[in-house]
Amino acid sequence: MSIGDNTSGESLPPRLMPARPAVQGQEDMPIFMDPDFEPNIFIYDNYPGGIGLSPSLFALESRLLEHGLKTLEACPCRDGCPSCVGATNESGKDAKRVARVLLQGLLGLQ
């Protein structure tokens, strides 16, 4: 789930918006292409030494995942769009289905 600009983060409730700057700049993160690599969500402060945003994001983990799933399920698109899964040219045609499976798994709903 991306909560940066032009993605589902635009629909985050105001009480969660202070967490949004912590994920901006994720395009600078390395891409892991190991077939045995487990999927992960990286939450980090984008400032040397951090400014204390990551702990509050971890405390909101379930709420963020639940909100992501609700956003995904409420979106009227069929396969995924910038509003629910982010840039579709990067995430592929099955992005919405895959995102739903991942979010449900992370929330223990499968």
N, C-alpha and C. Protein backbone atom coordinates (compact mmCIF):
# COMPACT_ATOMS: atom_id res chain seq x y z
N MET A 1 0.84 -1.17 0.00
CA MET A 1 0.00 0.00 0.00
C MET A 1 0.88 1.22 0.00
N SER A 2 0.63 2.08 -0.93
CA SER A 2 1.38 3.33 -0.97
C SER A 2 0.51 4.43 -0.38
N ILE A 3 1.09 5.26 0.43
CA ILE A 3 0.33 6.38 0.95
C ILE A 3 0.97 7.69 0.55
N GLY A 4 1.71 7.67 -0.55
CA GLY A 4 2.32 8.89 -1.08
C GLY A 4 1.33 9.65 -1.93
N ASP A 5 1.79 10.73 -2.56
CA ASP A 5 0.93 11.54 -3.40
C ASP A 5 0.38 10.75 -4.58
N ASN A 6 -0.82 11.08 -5.03
CA ASN A 6 -1.49 10.49 -6.19
C ASN A 6 -1.82 9.02 -6.02
N THR A 7 -1.91 8.53 -4.80
CA THR A 7 -2.30 7.14 -4.57
C THR A 7 -3.33 7.13 -3.46
N SER A 8 -3.57 5.98 -2.89
CA SER A 8 -4.61 5.87 -1.87
C SER A 8 -4.36 6.76 -0.66
N GLY A 9 -3.16 7.25 -0.47
CA GLY A 9 -2.86 8.13 0.66
C GLY A 9 -3.66 9.41 0.64
N GLU A 10 -4.10 9.82 -0.54
CA GLU A 10 -4.90 11.03 -0.62
C GLU A 10 -6.23 10.87 0.10
N SER A 11 -6.65 9.64 0.34
CA SER A 11 -7.92 9.43 1.01
C SER A 11 -7.76 9.05 2.48
N LEU A 12 -6.53 9.13 2.99
CA LEU A 12 -6.33 8.84 4.41
C LEU A 12 -7.08 9.85 5.27
N PRO A 13 -7.70 9.40 6.34
CA PRO A 13 -8.36 10.35 7.24
C PRO A 13 -7.34 11.34 7.79
N PRO A 14 -7.77 12.57 8.09
CA PRO A 14 -6.84 13.59 8.58
C PRO A 14 -6.01 13.15 9.78
N ARG A 15 -6.54 12.30 10.66
CA ARG A 15 -5.78 11.88 11.84
C ARG A 15 -4.58 11.01 11.46
N LEU A 16 -4.60 10.42 10.25
CA LEU A 16 -3.47 9.60 9.81
C LEU A 16 -2.52 10.36 8.89
N MET A 17 -2.92 11.53 8.41
CA MET A 17 -2.10 12.26 7.46
C MET A 17 -0.71 12.63 7.97
N PRO A 18 -0.50 12.91 9.28
CA PRO A 18 0.86 13.22 9.72
C PRO A 18 1.85 12.11 9.43
N ALA A 19 1.39 10.89 9.24
CA ALA A 19 2.29 9.78 8.95
C ALA A 19 2.76 9.78 7.50
N ARG A 20 2.06 10.47 6.61
CA ARG A 20 2.33 10.40 5.19
C ARG A 20 3.74 10.80 4.78
N PRO A 21 4.34 11.85 5.31
CA PRO A 21 5.69 12.22 4.87
C PRO A 21 6.73 11.14 5.09
N ALA A 22 6.48 10.22 5.98
CA ALA A 22 7.48 9.19 6.27
C ALA A 22 7.69 8.24 5.11
N VAL A 23 6.76 8.14 4.18
CA VAL A 23 6.94 7.21 3.07
C VAL A 23 7.31 7.90 1.78
N GLN A 24 7.32 9.20 1.75
CA GLN A 24 7.74 9.88 0.54
C GLN A 24 9.22 9.62 0.31
N GLY A 25 9.60 9.45 -0.92
CA GLY A 25 10.99 9.15 -1.24
C GLY A 25 11.25 7.67 -1.35
N GLN A 26 10.20 6.83 -1.29
CA GLN A 26 10.40 5.39 -1.37
C GLN A 26 10.98 4.96 -2.70
N GLU A 27 10.94 5.83 -3.72
CA GLU A 27 11.51 5.46 -5.01
C GLU A 27 13.03 5.28 -4.93
N ASP A 28 13.65 5.79 -3.89
CA ASP A 28 15.09 5.63 -3.71
C ASP A 28 15.47 4.31 -3.06
N MET A 29 14.47 3.54 -2.63
CA MET A 29 14.76 2.28 -1.95
C MET A 29 15.20 1.22 -2.95
N PRO A 30 16.12 0.35 -2.55
CA PRO A 30 16.54 -0.72 -3.46
C PRO A 30 15.40 -1.70 -3.71
N ILE A 31 15.41 -2.31 -4.88
CA ILE A 31 14.42 -3.32 -5.22
C ILE A 31 15.03 -4.68 -5.00
N PHE A 32 14.34 -5.54 -4.25
CA PHE A 32 14.83 -6.88 -3.95
C PHE A 32 14.19 -7.85 -4.93
N MET A 33 15.00 -8.58 -5.67
CA MET A 33 14.50 -9.49 -6.69
C MET A 33 14.84 -10.94 -6.37
N ASP A 34 14.94 -11.29 -5.12
CA ASP A 34 15.25 -12.66 -4.72
C ASP A 34 13.95 -13.47 -4.71
N PRO A 35 13.88 -14.59 -5.46
CA PRO A 35 12.63 -15.36 -5.50
C PRO A 35 12.24 -15.94 -4.14
N ASP A 36 13.17 -16.07 -3.22
CA ASP A 36 12.87 -16.59 -1.89
C ASP A 36 12.57 -15.47 -0.89
N PHE A 37 12.54 -14.25 -1.35
CA PHE A 37 12.33 -13.09 -0.49
C PHE A 37 10.86 -12.96 -0.12
N GLU A 38 10.56 -12.85 1.15
CA GLU A 38 9.20 -12.66 1.63
C GLU A 38 8.78 -11.20 1.39
N PRO A 39 7.54 -10.96 0.99
CA PRO A 39 7.09 -9.57 0.80
C PRO A 39 7.18 -8.80 2.12
N ASN A 40 7.55 -7.54 2.03
CA ASN A 40 7.71 -6.69 3.20
C ASN A 40 7.13 -5.32 2.91
N ILE A 41 6.78 -4.64 3.95
CA ILE A 41 6.43 -3.23 3.88
C ILE A 41 7.48 -2.50 4.69
N PHE A 42 8.16 -1.55 4.05
CA PHE A 42 9.21 -0.81 4.73
C PHE A 42 8.65 0.52 5.21
N ILE A 43 8.79 0.77 6.50
CA ILE A 43 8.37 2.04 7.10
C ILE A 43 9.62 2.66 7.69
N TYR A 44 9.91 3.88 7.26
CA TYR A 44 11.15 4.52 7.72
C TYR A 44 11.01 6.03 7.69
N ASP A 45 11.85 6.70 8.46
CA ASP A 45 11.96 8.16 8.40
C ASP A 45 12.95 8.48 7.30
N ASN A 46 12.63 9.42 6.46
CA ASN A 46 13.48 9.76 5.32
C ASN A 46 14.51 10.84 5.68
N TYR A 47 14.87 10.93 6.92
CA TYR A 47 15.84 11.91 7.38
C TYR A 47 16.93 11.19 8.16
N PRO A 48 18.19 11.62 8.02
CA PRO A 48 19.27 10.97 8.78
C PRO A 48 18.95 10.97 10.28
N GLY A 49 18.96 9.80 10.87
CA GLY A 49 18.65 9.68 12.28
C GLY A 49 17.16 9.65 12.58
N GLY A 50 16.34 9.96 11.58
CA GLY A 50 14.89 9.95 11.74
C GLY A 50 14.39 11.13 12.55
N ILE A 51 13.10 11.38 12.44
CA ILE A 51 12.48 12.45 13.22
C ILE A 51 11.32 11.91 14.06
N GLY A 52 11.28 10.59 14.22
CA GLY A 52 10.31 9.99 15.12
C GLY A 52 8.97 9.60 14.51
N LEU A 53 8.86 9.58 13.19
CA LEU A 53 7.59 9.22 12.57
C LEU A 53 7.36 7.71 12.48
N SER A 54 8.40 6.94 12.33
CA SER A 54 8.24 5.50 12.13
C SER A 54 7.52 4.80 13.29
N PRO A 55 7.87 5.08 14.54
CA PRO A 55 7.15 4.39 15.63
C PRO A 55 5.65 4.63 15.59
N SER A 56 5.21 5.85 15.24
CA SER A 56 3.77 6.10 15.19
C SER A 56 3.13 5.34 14.03
N LEU A 57 3.86 5.15 12.93
CA LEU A 57 3.33 4.36 11.82
C LEU A 57 3.17 2.90 12.22
N PHE A 58 4.15 2.36 12.93
CA PHE A 58 4.05 0.97 13.39
C PHE A 58 2.86 0.80 14.33
N ALA A 59 2.60 1.81 15.15
CA ALA A 59 1.47 1.75 16.07
C ALA A 59 0.14 1.76 15.31
N LEU A 60 0.14 2.33 14.12
CA LEU A 60 -1.07 2.41 13.30
C LEU A 60 -1.16 1.29 12.27
N GLU A 61 -0.27 0.31 12.34
CA GLU A 61 -0.16 -0.71 11.29
C GLU A 61 -1.51 -1.31 10.88
N SER A 62 -2.26 -1.84 11.81
CA SER A 62 -3.53 -2.48 11.47
C SER A 62 -4.51 -1.49 10.85
N ARG A 63 -4.57 -0.30 11.41
CA ARG A 63 -5.49 0.71 10.87
C ARG A 63 -5.10 1.12 9.46
N LEU A 64 -3.80 1.25 9.21
CA LEU A 64 -3.35 1.60 7.86
C LEU A 64 -3.68 0.49 6.87
N LEU A 65 -3.44 -0.76 7.26
CA LEU A 65 -3.74 -1.89 6.38
C LEU A 65 -5.24 -2.00 6.13
N GLU A 66 -6.05 -1.84 7.19
CA GLU A 66 -7.51 -1.90 7.04
C GLU A 66 -8.00 -0.79 6.12
N HIS A 67 -7.45 0.40 6.29
CA HIS A 67 -7.85 1.52 5.43
C HIS A 67 -7.45 1.25 3.98
N GLY A 68 -6.28 0.69 3.78
CA GLY A 68 -5.84 0.34 2.43
C GLY A 68 -6.79 -0.66 1.78
N LEU A 69 -7.20 -1.66 2.53
CA LEU A 69 -8.12 -2.67 2.01
C LEU A 69 -9.49 -2.05 1.69
N LYS A 70 -9.99 -1.20 2.58
CA LYS A 70 -11.27 -0.54 2.33
C LYS A 70 -11.20 0.36 1.09
N THR A 71 -10.09 1.08 0.95
CA THR A 71 -9.89 1.93 -0.23
C THR A 71 -9.89 1.09 -1.49
N LEU A 72 -9.18 -0.02 -1.46
CA LEU A 72 -9.09 -0.93 -2.60
C LEU A 72 -10.46 -1.49 -2.97
N GLU A 73 -11.20 -1.95 -1.98
CA GLU A 73 -12.50 -2.57 -2.23
C GLU A 73 -13.56 -1.55 -2.66
N ALA A 74 -13.43 -0.31 -2.23
CA ALA A 74 -14.40 0.72 -2.60
C ALA A 74 -14.15 1.29 -3.99
N CYS A 75 -12.97 1.08 -4.53
CA CYS A 75 -12.64 1.64 -5.84
C CYS A 75 -13.42 0.89 -6.93
N PRO A 76 -14.07 1.62 -7.83
CA PRO A 76 -14.89 0.98 -8.86
C PRO A 76 -14.10 0.36 -10.02
N CYS A 77 -12.80 0.56 -10.07
CA CYS A 77 -12.02 0.01 -11.18
C CYS A 77 -11.99 -1.52 -11.10
N ARG A 78 -11.64 -2.16 -12.21
CA ARG A 78 -11.63 -3.62 -12.26
C ARG A 78 -10.29 -4.23 -11.84
N ASP A 79 -9.21 -3.73 -12.41
CA ASP A 79 -7.90 -4.37 -12.22
C ASP A 79 -6.91 -3.57 -11.38
N GLY A 80 -7.26 -2.35 -11.03
CA GLY A 80 -6.34 -1.48 -10.30
C GLY A 80 -6.13 -0.18 -11.05
N CYS A 81 -6.00 0.89 -10.32
CA CYS A 81 -5.81 2.21 -10.93
C CYS A 81 -4.95 3.04 -9.97
N PRO A 82 -4.53 4.23 -10.39
CA PRO A 82 -3.71 5.07 -9.51
C PRO A 82 -4.37 5.40 -8.18
N SER A 83 -5.70 5.39 -8.13
CA SER A 83 -6.39 5.71 -6.87
C SER A 83 -6.34 4.60 -5.84
N CYS A 84 -6.22 3.35 -6.29
CA CYS A 84 -6.27 2.25 -5.31
C CYS A 84 -4.97 1.46 -5.19
N VAL A 85 -4.19 1.33 -6.26
CA VAL A 85 -2.96 0.54 -6.17
C VAL A 85 -1.71 1.31 -6.57
N GLY A 86 -1.88 2.55 -7.00
CA GLY A 86 -0.72 3.32 -7.44
C GLY A 86 -0.51 3.20 -8.93
N ALA A 87 0.70 3.45 -9.36
CA ALA A 87 1.04 3.44 -10.79
C ALA A 87 0.82 2.05 -11.38
N THR A 88 -0.17 1.92 -12.25
CA THR A 88 -0.51 0.61 -12.79
C THR A 88 0.51 0.11 -13.80
N ASN A 89 1.25 1.00 -14.44
CA ASN A 89 2.27 0.52 -15.37
C ASN A 89 3.40 -0.19 -14.64
N GLU A 90 3.56 0.06 -13.36
CA GLU A 90 4.58 -0.61 -12.56
C GLU A 90 4.04 -1.84 -11.84
N SER A 91 2.75 -1.84 -11.54
CA SER A 91 2.20 -2.93 -10.74
C SER A 91 1.48 -4.01 -11.54
N GLY A 92 1.19 -3.77 -12.80
CA GLY A 92 0.64 -4.80 -13.67
C GLY A 92 -0.87 -4.91 -13.63
N LYS A 93 -1.41 -5.71 -14.56
CA LYS A 93 -2.86 -5.85 -14.73
C LYS A 93 -3.54 -6.50 -13.54
N ASP A 94 -2.85 -7.36 -12.83
CA ASP A 94 -3.43 -8.08 -11.69
C ASP A 94 -3.23 -7.34 -10.36
N ALA A 95 -2.83 -6.09 -10.42
CA ALA A 95 -2.43 -5.36 -9.21
C ALA A 95 -3.51 -5.33 -8.14
N LYS A 96 -4.74 -5.12 -8.51
CA LYS A 96 -5.80 -5.01 -7.51
C LYS A 96 -6.02 -6.34 -6.81
N ARG A 97 -6.06 -7.42 -7.56
CA ARG A 97 -6.25 -8.74 -6.96
C ARG A 97 -5.09 -9.08 -6.04
N VAL A 98 -3.86 -8.84 -6.50
CA VAL A 98 -2.68 -9.14 -5.70
C VAL A 98 -2.66 -8.29 -4.43
N ALA A 99 -2.96 -7.00 -4.56
CA ALA A 99 -2.99 -6.12 -3.39
C ALA A 99 -4.03 -6.60 -2.38
N ARG A 100 -5.19 -7.03 -2.87
CA ARG A 100 -6.24 -7.54 -1.97
C ARG A 100 -5.76 -8.77 -1.21
N VAL A 101 -5.14 -9.71 -1.93
CA VAL A 101 -4.63 -10.93 -1.29
C VAL A 101 -3.58 -10.58 -0.24
N LEU A 102 -2.66 -9.68 -0.58
CA LEU A 102 -1.60 -9.30 0.37
C LEU A 102 -2.19 -8.62 1.61
N LEU A 103 -3.08 -7.67 1.40
CA LEU A 103 -3.67 -6.96 2.55
C LEU A 103 -4.49 -7.90 3.42
N GLN A 104 -5.28 -8.76 2.80
CA GLN A 104 -6.06 -9.72 3.59
C GLN A 104 -5.15 -10.66 4.37
N GLY A 105 -4.05 -11.08 3.75
CA GLY A 105 -3.10 -11.95 4.45
C GLY A 105 -2.44 -11.24 5.62
N LEU A 106 -2.03 -10.00 5.41
CA LEU A 106 -1.40 -9.23 6.49
C LEU A 106 -2.36 -8.97 7.64
N LEU A 107 -3.64 -8.88 7.32
CA LEU A 107 -4.66 -8.65 8.35
C LEU A 107 -5.20 -9.95 8.94
N GLY A 108 -4.72 -11.09 8.45
CA GLY A 108 -5.17 -12.39 8.96
C GLY A 108 -6.58 -12.74 8.54
N LEU A 109 -7.02 -12.25 7.39
CA LEU A 109 -8.38 -12.48 6.91
C LEU A 109 -8.47 -13.65 5.93
N GLN A 110 -7.38 -14.30 5.65
CA GLN A 110 -7.40 -15.43 4.70
C GLN A 110 -7.31 -16.74 5.43
